[in-house]
Amino acid sequence: MAARKPRIKKCPDCKGTGEITETVRVGSARKSRETTDRQAALCLTCFGSGDAPTD
């Protein structure tokens, strides 16, 4: 029988999707304010793979 591959854990930040949502900010750096809009962003913990990082 062939050996099974170990199951890879999902990233805890994006829950395995590879994307997270960020709040849209508008204005200059000093007076920036958050809006109610959201945008998709690449998960920086797993770099979009969806796999949990290993140490």
C-alpha atoms as a PDB file:
ATOM      1  CA  MET A   1       0.000   0.000   0.000  1.00  0.00           C
ATOM      2  CA  ALA A   2       1.092   3.522  -0.679  1.00  0.00           C
ATOM      3  CA  ALA A   3       1.800   5.750   2.279  1.00  0.00           C
ATOM      4  CA  ARG A   4      -0.662   8.575   2.869  1.00  0.00           C
ATOM      5  CA  LYS A   5       0.501  12.127   2.655  1.00  0.00           C
ATOM      6  CA  PRO A   6       0.291  14.026   5.947  1.00  0.00           C
ATOM      7  CA  ARG A   7      -2.647  16.377   6.095  1.00  0.00           C
ATOM      8  CA  ILE A   8      -1.561  20.011   5.814  1.00  0.00           C
ATOM      9  CA  LYS A   9      -3.114  22.361   8.370  1.00  0.00           C
ATOM     10  CA  LYS A  10      -5.032  25.421   7.224  1.00  0.00           C
ATOM     11  CA  CYS A  11      -3.704  28.910   7.863  1.00  0.00           C
ATOM     12  CA  PRO A  12      -5.257  30.318  11.065  1.00  0.00           C
ATOM     13  CA  ASP A  13      -5.529  33.874   9.705  1.00  0.00           C
ATOM     14  CA  CYS A  14      -7.302  33.250   6.379  1.00  0.00           C
ATOM     15  CA  LYS A  15      -8.814  29.841   7.286  1.00  0.00           C
ATOM     16  CA  GLY A  16      -7.252  28.208   4.214  1.00  0.00           C
ATOM     17  CA  THR A  17      -8.583  30.589   1.564  1.00  0.00           C
ATOM     18  CA  GLY A  18      -5.368  32.563   0.961  1.00  0.00           C
ATOM     19  CA  GLU A  19      -7.233  35.881   1.150  1.00  0.00           C
ATOM     20  CA  ILE A  20      -8.293  38.190   3.943  1.00  0.00           C
ATOM     21  CA  THR A  21     -10.394  41.365   3.915  1.00  0.00           C
ATOM     22  CA  GLU A  22      -9.041  44.756   4.849  1.00  0.00           C
ATOM     23  CA  THR A  23     -10.857  47.958   5.757  1.00  0.00           C
ATOM     24  CA  VAL A  24     -10.493  50.714   3.164  1.00  0.00           C
ATOM     25  CA  ARG A  25      -8.845  53.853   4.544  1.00  0.00           C
ATOM     26  CA  VAL A  26      -9.077  57.262   2.897  1.00  0.00           C
ATOM     27  CA  GLY A  27      -7.288  60.551   3.463  1.00  0.00           C
ATOM     28  CA  SER A  28      -3.718  61.539   4.162  1.00  0.00           C
ATOM     29  CA  ALA A  29      -1.525  59.574   6.559  1.00  0.00           C
ATOM     30  CA  ARG A  30      -2.151  61.988   9.433  1.00  0.00           C
ATOM     31  CA  LYS A  31      -5.910  62.192   9.091  1.00  0.00           C
ATOM     32  CA  SER A  32      -6.809  58.861   7.544  1.00  0.00           C
ATOM     33  CA  ARG A  33     -10.221  57.520   8.357  1.00  0.00           C
ATOM     34  CA  GLU A  34     -11.811  54.117   7.896  1.00  0.00           C
ATOM     35  CA  THR A  35     -14.788  53.624   5.604  1.00  0.00           C
ATOM     36  CA  THR A  36     -17.412  50.886   5.752  1.00  0.00           C
ATOM     37  CA  ASP A  37     -15.999  49.390   2.532  1.00  0.00           C
ATOM     38  CA  ARG A  38     -13.845  46.235   2.517  1.00  0.00           C
ATOM     39  CA  GLN A  39     -11.359  44.911  -0.047  1.00  0.00           C
ATOM     40  CA  ALA A  40      -9.706  41.535  -0.584  1.00  0.00           C
ATOM     41  CA  ALA A  41      -6.007  41.224   0.196  1.00  0.00           C
ATOM     42  CA  LEU A  42      -3.400  38.463   0.020  1.00  0.00           C
ATOM     43  CA  CYS A  43      -2.840  36.732   3.365  1.00  0.00           C
ATOM     44  CA  LEU A  44       0.667  37.632   4.508  1.00  0.00           C
ATOM     45  CA  THR A  45       0.887  34.734   6.946  1.00  0.00           C
ATOM     46  CA  CYS A  46       0.712  32.032   4.252  1.00  0.00           C
ATOM     47  CA  PHE A  47       1.416  34.221   1.167  1.00  0.00           C
ATOM     48  CA  GLY A  48      -1.850  33.125  -0.444  1.00  0.00           C
ATOM     49  CA  SER A  49      -1.259  29.351  -0.295  1.00  0.00           C
ATOM     50  CA  GLY A  50      -3.812  28.694   2.464  1.00  0.00           C
ATOM     51  CA  ASP A  51      -1.420  26.340   4.266  1.00  0.00           C
ATOM     52  CA  ALA A  52      -0.326  26.945   7.845  1.00  0.00           C
ATOM     53  CA  PRO A  53       3.237  28.244   8.089  1.00  0.00           C
ATOM     54  CA  THR A  54       5.829  25.853   9.474  1.00  0.00           C
ATOM     55  CA  ASP A  55       8.686  26.899  11.709  1.00  0.00           C
END
